[in-house]
Protein backbone atom coordinates (compact mmCIF):
# COMPACT_ATOMS: atom_id res chain seq x y z
CA MET A 1 -12.73 28.34 -14.65
CA GLY A 2 -16.05 26.71 -15.47
CA MET A 3 -17.63 23.43 -15.50
CA ALA A 4 -16.19 20.89 -17.92
CA ASN A 5 -19.36 18.67 -17.49
CA GLU A 6 -21.76 17.71 -14.73
CA SER A 7 -19.09 15.29 -13.23
CA THR A 8 -16.04 17.39 -13.49
CA ILE A 9 -14.80 20.70 -12.54
CA THR A 10 -11.91 22.59 -14.29
CA LEU A 11 -9.01 24.38 -12.72
CA GLY A 12 -6.30 26.62 -14.17
CA LYS A 13 -2.51 25.21 -13.59
CA ALA A 14 -1.65 28.15 -11.51
CA ASP A 15 -4.51 28.09 -9.04
CA LEU A 16 -4.17 24.22 -8.64
CA LEU A 17 -0.50 24.62 -8.16
CA ALA A 18 -0.85 27.51 -5.47
CA PHE A 19 -3.50 25.31 -3.73
CA ALA A 20 -1.52 22.08 -3.45
CA SER A 21 1.37 23.72 -2.37
CA ASP A 22 -0.46 25.66 0.32
CA LEU A 23 -1.69 22.40 1.54
CA PHE A 24 1.57 20.69 1.74
CA VAL A 25 2.78 24.05 3.92
CA ALA A 26 -0.16 23.76 6.11
CA ALA A 27 0.83 20.17 6.75
CA GLY A 28 4.31 21.27 7.98
CA VAL A 29 6.14 20.96 4.65
CA ALA A 30 8.65 23.90 4.02
CA ARG A 31 7.56 26.16 0.97
CA ALA A 32 10.36 25.33 -1.48
CA MET A 33 9.64 21.53 -1.08
CA ALA A 34 5.87 22.16 -1.08
CA ASP A 35 6.06 24.05 -4.38
CA GLU A 36 8.29 21.41 -5.93
CA TRP A 37 6.06 18.64 -4.65
CA ALA A 38 3.14 20.25 -6.04
CA GLY A 39 4.70 21.03 -9.50
CA ILE A 40 5.29 17.57 -10.06
CA LEU A 41 1.97 16.14 -9.10
CA ILE A 42 0.55 18.97 -11.42
CA TRP A 43 2.62 18.11 -14.14
CA ALA A 44 1.32 14.56 -14.00
CA ASN A 45 -2.29 16.07 -14.34
CA LEU A 46 -1.22 18.32 -17.11
CA ARG A 47 -0.03 15.29 -19.14
CA GLY A 48 -3.24 13.43 -18.36
CA VAL A 49 -1.78 10.94 -15.79
CA ASP A 50 -4.49 11.84 -13.34
CA SER A 51 -3.92 8.75 -11.40
CA HIS A 52 -0.67 10.36 -10.07
CA GLY A 53 -1.73 13.87 -9.87
CA VAL A 54 -3.78 15.77 -7.16
CA ILE A 55 -5.90 12.73 -6.70
CA ARG A 56 -3.16 11.52 -4.30
CA ILE A 57 -3.27 14.70 -2.06
CA PRO A 58 -5.68 13.37 0.49
CA ARG A 59 -3.61 10.40 1.11
CA TYR A 60 -0.15 12.48 1.40
CA LEU A 61 -1.90 14.70 3.76
CA ASP A 62 -3.03 11.83 5.93
CA LEU A 63 0.53 10.40 5.80
CA LEU A 64 1.96 13.91 6.85
CA ARG A 65 -0.53 14.01 9.61
CA ARG A 66 0.60 10.48 10.82
CA LYS A 67 4.34 11.62 10.48
CA THR A 68 4.89 8.66 8.00
CA ILE A 69 5.96 11.14 5.36
CA ASN A 70 8.64 13.23 7.03
CA THR A 71 8.11 17.09 6.56
CA ALA A 72 11.87 17.72 7.10
CA PRO A 73 13.80 14.85 5.99
CA ASN A 74 17.43 14.37 6.06
CA ILE A 75 18.02 13.16 2.37
CA ARG A 76 21.50 12.27 2.02
CA VAL A 77 24.04 10.16 -0.27
CA GLU A 78 25.28 7.62 2.39
CA LYS A 79 27.74 5.86 -0.04
CA ARG A 80 29.28 6.51 -3.49
CA ALA A 81 31.42 3.93 -5.06
CA GLY A 82 32.31 4.60 -8.71
CA ALA A 83 28.85 4.73 -10.82
CA VAL A 84 26.83 3.80 -7.82
CA SER A 85 25.22 5.75 -4.95
CA ILE A 86 22.92 4.98 -2.11
CA LEU A 87 20.76 7.55 -1.25
CA GLU A 88 18.75 7.43 2.35
CA ALA A 89 15.57 9.45 1.73
CA ASP A 90 14.41 9.54 5.39
CA ARG A 91 10.81 8.97 4.35
CA ALA A 92 10.87 12.13 2.31
CA PRO A 93 8.14 13.04 -0.10
CA GLY A 94 8.51 10.35 -2.79
CA VAL A 95 8.82 12.94 -5.72
CA ILE A 96 11.38 14.96 -3.94
CA ALA A 97 13.45 11.91 -3.05
CA MET A 98 13.54 10.58 -6.74
CA ALA A 99 14.41 14.02 -8.08
CA ARG A 100 17.35 14.11 -5.74
CA ALA A 101 18.12 10.32 -6.80
CA MET A 102 18.09 11.27 -10.71
CA GLU A 103 20.28 14.46 -9.77
CA GLU A 104 22.87 12.20 -8.16
CA ALA A 105 22.55 9.48 -10.95
CA ILE A 106 23.26 12.47 -13.50
CA ASP A 107 26.10 13.72 -11.62
CA ARG A 108 27.77 10.27 -11.38
CA ALA A 109 27.13 9.92 -15.20
CA ARG A 110 29.04 13.07 -15.83
CA ALA A 111 32.00 11.69 -13.93
CA VAL A 112 32.04 7.89 -14.90
CA HIS A 113 29.34 7.91 -17.80
CA VAL A 114 26.74 5.79 -16.07
CA GLY A 115 24.97 6.74 -12.69
CA TRP A 116 23.01 4.45 -10.43
CA CYS A 117 21.33 5.77 -7.55
CA ALA A 118 19.59 3.55 -5.22
CA ALA A 119 17.16 5.62 -2.95
CA ARG A 120 15.88 3.78 0.27
CA ASN A 121 13.00 4.73 2.54
CA ILE A 122 11.22 7.07 -0.11
CA THR A 123 7.39 7.30 0.07
CA HIS A 124 4.95 7.23 -2.99
CA SER A 125 6.90 8.59 -5.96
CA GLY A 126 4.28 9.68 -8.50
CA ALA A 127 4.61 9.50 -12.20
CA ILE A 128 8.13 8.32 -12.46
CA GLY A 129 8.27 9.22 -16.06
CA TYR A 130 9.31 12.85 -14.61
CA PHE A 131 12.62 11.46 -13.39
CA ALA A 132 13.35 9.71 -16.54
CA LEU A 133 12.81 13.04 -18.43
CA MET A 134 15.39 14.67 -16.21
CA ALA A 135 17.96 12.38 -17.74
CA ALA A 136 16.65 12.91 -21.20
CA GLU A 137 16.98 16.56 -20.64
CA ALA A 138 20.56 16.37 -19.65
CA GLY A 139 21.48 14.57 -22.88
CA MET A 140 21.19 11.28 -21.25
CA ALA A 141 19.14 8.01 -21.18
CA GLY A 142 17.14 7.69 -17.86
CA ILE A 143 15.78 4.49 -16.39
CA VAL A 144 13.62 4.76 -13.31
CA MET A 145 11.97 2.10 -11.15
CA GLY A 146 10.00 2.04 -8.04
CA ALA A 147 9.06 -0.91 -5.54
CA SER A 148 6.55 -1.07 -2.91
CA SER A 149 4.63 -3.44 -0.78
CA PRO A 150 2.32 -6.13 -2.21
CA MET A 151 -0.74 -4.90 -3.70
CA MET A 152 -0.96 -6.85 -7.03
CA ALA A 153 -1.42 -10.61 -7.62
CA TYR A 154 1.46 -12.54 -8.67
CA HIS A 155 0.53 -14.79 -11.72
CA GLY A 156 -1.24 -17.89 -10.56
CA ALA A 157 -2.09 -16.67 -6.99
CA ARG A 158 -5.33 -15.23 -5.99
CA VAL A 159 -3.90 -12.67 -3.51
CA ALA A 160 -1.45 -9.96 -3.37
CA GLY A 161 2.11 -11.15 -3.74
CA VAL A 162 3.97 -8.22 -5.47
CA SER A 163 3.55 -4.61 -5.99
CA SER A 164 2.72 -2.68 -9.01
CA ASN A 165 6.24 -1.68 -9.39
CA PRO A 166 6.45 1.02 -12.18
CA LEU A 167 9.28 1.40 -14.73
CA ALA A 168 10.12 4.39 -16.83
CA LEU A 169 12.70 4.94 -19.70
CA ALA A 170 13.56 8.19 -21.81
CA VAL A 171 15.92 9.12 -24.32
CA PRO A 172 16.33 12.55 -25.85
CA GLY A 173 15.60 13.30 -29.37
CA LYS A 174 16.39 16.24 -31.30
CA LYS A 175 13.27 18.02 -33.08
CA ARG A 176 11.02 15.38 -31.82
CA GLY A 177 12.00 16.01 -28.16
CA PRO A 178 12.49 13.06 -25.76
CA LEU A 179 10.69 9.83 -25.96
CA VAL A 180 9.41 8.64 -22.49
CA LEU A 181 7.59 5.38 -21.47
CA ASP A 182 6.23 5.30 -18.01
CA MET A 183 4.32 2.17 -17.11
CA SER A 184 3.07 0.16 -14.24
CA THR A 185 3.51 -3.54 -14.13
CA ALA A 186 -0.24 -3.81 -13.16
CA THR A 187 -2.88 -3.70 -15.95
CA VAL A 188 -3.47 -0.19 -14.82
CA ALA A 189 -1.97 1.73 -11.87
CA ASN A 190 -3.98 1.84 -8.47
CA GLY A 191 -4.59 5.64 -8.99
CA LYS A 192 -6.98 4.64 -12.02
CA VAL A 193 -9.01 2.35 -9.66
CA ILE A 194 -9.22 5.37 -7.12
CA GLY A 195 -10.28 7.62 -9.97
CA ALA A 196 -12.94 5.30 -11.06
CA ARG A 197 -14.05 4.94 -7.69
CA ASP A 198 -14.31 8.89 -7.30
CA ALA A 199 -16.19 8.97 -10.72
CA GLY A 200 -18.80 6.35 -9.47
CA ALA A 201 -17.73 4.28 -12.74
CA GLU A 202 -17.58 0.52 -13.40
CA VAL A 203 -13.97 -0.56 -14.68
CA PRO A 204 -13.13 -3.32 -17.36
CA LEU A 205 -12.60 -7.01 -16.29
CA GLY A 206 -8.74 -7.63 -15.70
CA TRP A 207 -7.96 -4.44 -13.64
CA GLY A 208 -8.19 -6.21 -10.41
CA ILE A 209 -9.72 -9.03 -8.30
CA ASP A 210 -11.78 -8.60 -5.07
CA ALA A 211 -11.12 -9.99 -1.48
CA GLU A 212 -12.02 -13.63 -2.55
CA GLY A 213 -9.71 -13.62 -5.52
CA ARG A 214 -12.72 -13.02 -8.13
CA ASP A 215 -12.88 -11.00 -11.07
CA THR A 216 -14.84 -7.54 -10.60
CA THR A 217 -15.82 -4.52 -12.60
CA ASP A 218 -16.78 -2.75 -9.40
CA PRO A 219 -13.79 -0.49 -8.38
CA LYS A 220 -14.92 -0.44 -4.67
CA LYS A 221 -14.52 -4.01 -4.56
CA ILE A 222 -10.98 -4.21 -5.88
CA THR A 223 -8.60 -5.27 -3.19
CA THR A 224 -5.54 -6.47 -5.32
CA LEU A 225 -4.68 -5.36 -8.89
CA LEU A 226 -3.78 -7.94 -11.62
CA ALA A 227 -0.35 -7.92 -13.47
CA LEU A 228 0.07 -6.55 -17.02
CA GLY A 229 0.52 -9.66 -19.21
CA GLY A 230 0.33 -12.06 -16.32
CA PRO A 231 3.43 -13.68 -15.89
CA LYS A 232 5.40 -11.09 -17.60
CA GLY A 233 4.10 -8.20 -15.31
CA SER A 234 4.41 -10.13 -12.14
CA GLY A 235 7.88 -11.40 -13.25
CA LEU A 236 8.96 -8.07 -14.08
CA SER A 237 7.63 -6.57 -10.74
CA LEU A 238 9.67 -9.20 -8.94
CA LEU A 239 12.79 -8.40 -10.41
CA ILE A 240 12.41 -4.44 -9.73
CA GLU A 241 11.88 -5.63 -6.09
CA CYS A 242 15.25 -7.41 -6.27
CA LEU A 243 16.96 -4.49 -7.93
CA THR A 244 15.40 -1.72 -6.25
CA SER A 245 14.65 -3.01 -2.57
CA LEU A 246 17.04 -5.93 -1.80
CA THR A 247 20.16 -3.89 -2.91
CA VAL A 248 19.59 -1.36 -0.38
CA GLY A 249 18.68 -4.05 2.42
CA ASN A 250 15.21 -2.77 2.54
CA PRO A 251 12.87 -5.87 1.48
CA LEU A 252 9.40 -4.82 1.14
CA VAL A 253 7.59 -7.93 -0.41
CA ALA A 254 9.22 -10.80 1.49
CA ARG A 255 8.85 -8.93 4.85
CA ALA A 256 5.28 -8.24 4.25
CA LEU A 257 4.62 -11.95 3.03
CA LEU A 258 6.75 -13.97 5.54
CA GLU A 259 5.78 -11.55 8.44
CA LYS A 260 2.19 -12.04 7.61
CA ASN A 261 2.08 -8.21 7.61
CA LEU A 262 0.20 -7.03 4.66
CA ALA A 263 -1.08 -3.92 6.14
CA ASP A 264 -0.49 -0.89 4.03
CA ASN A 265 3.35 0.19 4.48
CA PRO A 266 3.89 3.69 2.64
CA VAL A 267 7.63 3.31 2.73
CA GLN A 268 8.98 2.50 -0.75
CA ASN A 269 12.49 2.37 -2.49
CA GLY A 270 13.51 3.95 -5.83
CA LEU A 271 16.03 3.45 -8.47
CA ALA A 272 17.17 6.23 -10.78
CA ILE A 273 19.78 5.26 -13.51
CA ALA A 274 21.31 7.83 -16.01
CA VAL A 275 23.33 6.87 -18.88
CA ASP A 276 25.88 9.41 -20.66
CA LEU A 277 24.91 8.80 -24.45
CA SER A 278 28.03 10.73 -25.41
CA VAL A 279 30.11 8.18 -24.33
CA PHE A 280 29.03 6.13 -27.48
CA GLY A 281 30.26 8.56 -29.91
CA ASN A 282 28.03 11.43 -31.28
CA LEU A 283 25.18 12.51 -29.20
CA ASP A 284 23.84 14.81 -32.15
CA GLY A 285 23.87 11.59 -34.39
CA PHE A 286 21.97 9.62 -31.59
CA THR A 287 19.16 12.24 -31.09
CA GLU A 288 18.93 12.42 -35.18
CA GLU A 289 18.30 8.73 -35.25
CA VAL A 290 15.82 9.00 -32.63
CA ASP A 291 13.95 11.58 -34.85
CA ARG A 292 14.53 9.33 -37.91
CA LEU A 293 12.95 6.35 -36.02
CA GLY A 294 10.14 8.32 -34.73
CA ASP A 295 9.24 9.67 -38.24
CA ALA A 296 9.23 6.01 -39.43
CA ILE A 297 7.03 4.84 -36.86
CA VAL A 298 4.38 7.60 -37.14
CA ALA A 299 4.48 7.07 -40.81
CA LEU A 300 3.29 3.40 -40.71
CA PRO A 301 -0.17 2.61 -42.22
CA ARG A 302 -2.63 3.18 -39.49
CA ALA A 303 -5.23 0.60 -38.44
CA ASP A 304 -8.90 1.25 -38.95
CA GLY A 305 -10.32 4.11 -36.86
CA VAL A 306 -6.81 5.56 -35.84
CA SER A 307 -6.33 9.12 -36.92
CA ARG A 308 -2.77 9.33 -35.32
CA ILE A 309 0.12 7.06 -34.35
CA PHE A 310 1.72 8.27 -31.17
CA LEU A 311 5.27 7.72 -29.97
CA PRO A 312 5.75 7.10 -26.27
CA GLY A 313 5.34 10.41 -24.46
CA GLU A 314 3.51 12.18 -27.22
CA ARG A 315 -0.09 11.51 -26.07
CA GLY A 316 0.98 13.27 -22.90
CA ASN A 317 2.38 16.25 -24.74
CA THR A 318 -0.86 16.79 -26.61
CA VAL A 319 -2.87 16.56 -23.35
CA MET A 320 -0.42 19.06 -21.88
CA ALA A 321 -1.01 21.54 -24.60
CA GLU A 322 -4.67 21.39 -24.46
CA ARG A 323 -4.77 21.46 -20.41
CA GLU A 324 -2.31 24.38 -20.24
CA ALA A 325 -4.70 26.33 -22.44
CA LYS A 326 -8.03 25.16 -21.12
CA GLY A 327 -7.43 23.88 -17.44
CA ILE A 328 -7.31 20.63 -15.75
CA PRO A 329 -10.28 18.64 -15.26
CA ILE A 330 -10.86 16.85 -12.02
CA PRO A 331 -13.69 14.62 -11.11
CA LYS A 332 -16.19 15.99 -8.84
CA GLY A 333 -15.70 13.00 -6.34
CA THR A 334 -11.96 13.50 -6.33
CA TRP A 335 -12.49 17.21 -5.66
CA ASN A 336 -14.81 16.81 -2.83
CA ARG A 337 -12.18 14.52 -1.36
CA ILE A 338 -9.55 17.18 -1.58
CA VAL A 339 -11.58 19.89 -0.34
CA ALA A 340 -12.32 17.82 2.68
CA ALA A 341 -8.58 17.21 3.23
CA ALA A 342 -7.85 20.90 2.69
CA GLN A 343 -10.57 21.79 5.45
CA GLY A 344 -8.67 19.41 7.79
CA VAL A 345 -5.51 21.54 7.46
CA GLY A 346 -7.50 24.85 7.33
CA ILE A 347 -6.93 25.73 3.78
CA GLU A 348 -9.82 27.24 1.61
CA PRO A 349 -9.99 25.73 -1.98
CA PRO A 350 -9.49 28.18 -5.01
CA ARG A 351 -12.68 29.81 -6.14
CA ARG A 352 -13.99 28.22 -9.41
């Protein structure tokens, strides 16, 4: 484990997994849950989704200390009716709650061919593509959404009106493996702004606006994210709030806006949907067609300067292979914040 460059340190997967799990245990989380939580975070780092990896640990430890994230949640299915389940997460770590939600959705889909599990009172759910892939690995299509409090400007407004609600979709392939799209409805996820702050770097115009509603390239001044594609991103986010929060009687956006309480609310909601593709006929035939479609796309004539066309999820697969072998790079600013948080719970960082 050496230095990647002057502003980055590199850690092996095993060291980072053990460290992250130890931090959660020190904060009061049971080891099995801590291991699962750490594993999903490091999965994001391995795939290059650093905005949803260990960069979030200091925030999680703060929320655990404040008892906002529940160290011993009573996660339970409160209702099952046909394809639909409602899961009460009891402010569990978001990745744990969403893994349970997708397990429930897959279980429902095995029974009635589609499963829709609405998860209430989760916390930050990380890289939700992970949960869509759970469905794909079970031979199903997966659709996952997450909803949180306002942090993104609604198109035409200069203040936060919606969240950067993410959406992920995955389908199984045959030889190619699953296709997975995991996207924020903001131009970029807030974690990328945090990463730029840690790295001391400017960001492009269009990522976010400052407290006065003005464009800025300074990540330290960004208070509100901007929507992907303007009205498309903010409209999509609004509808995710309807499908994910209003259905479970836990409104996040209207409550914040109408009660003039825009203080950070870490409680969120999530939605996991699984669709049994075998019900359409031949699952083998479907996955073969996914491969054939992928082959056709990657064989398209490439634009100037493009060496390879990637299908959804393939870039992450490529980064994962490299980082499994060479380690995970972490900006020094991020690492320093994690080490400071570790000292707060009495855990020594791994030696580099």
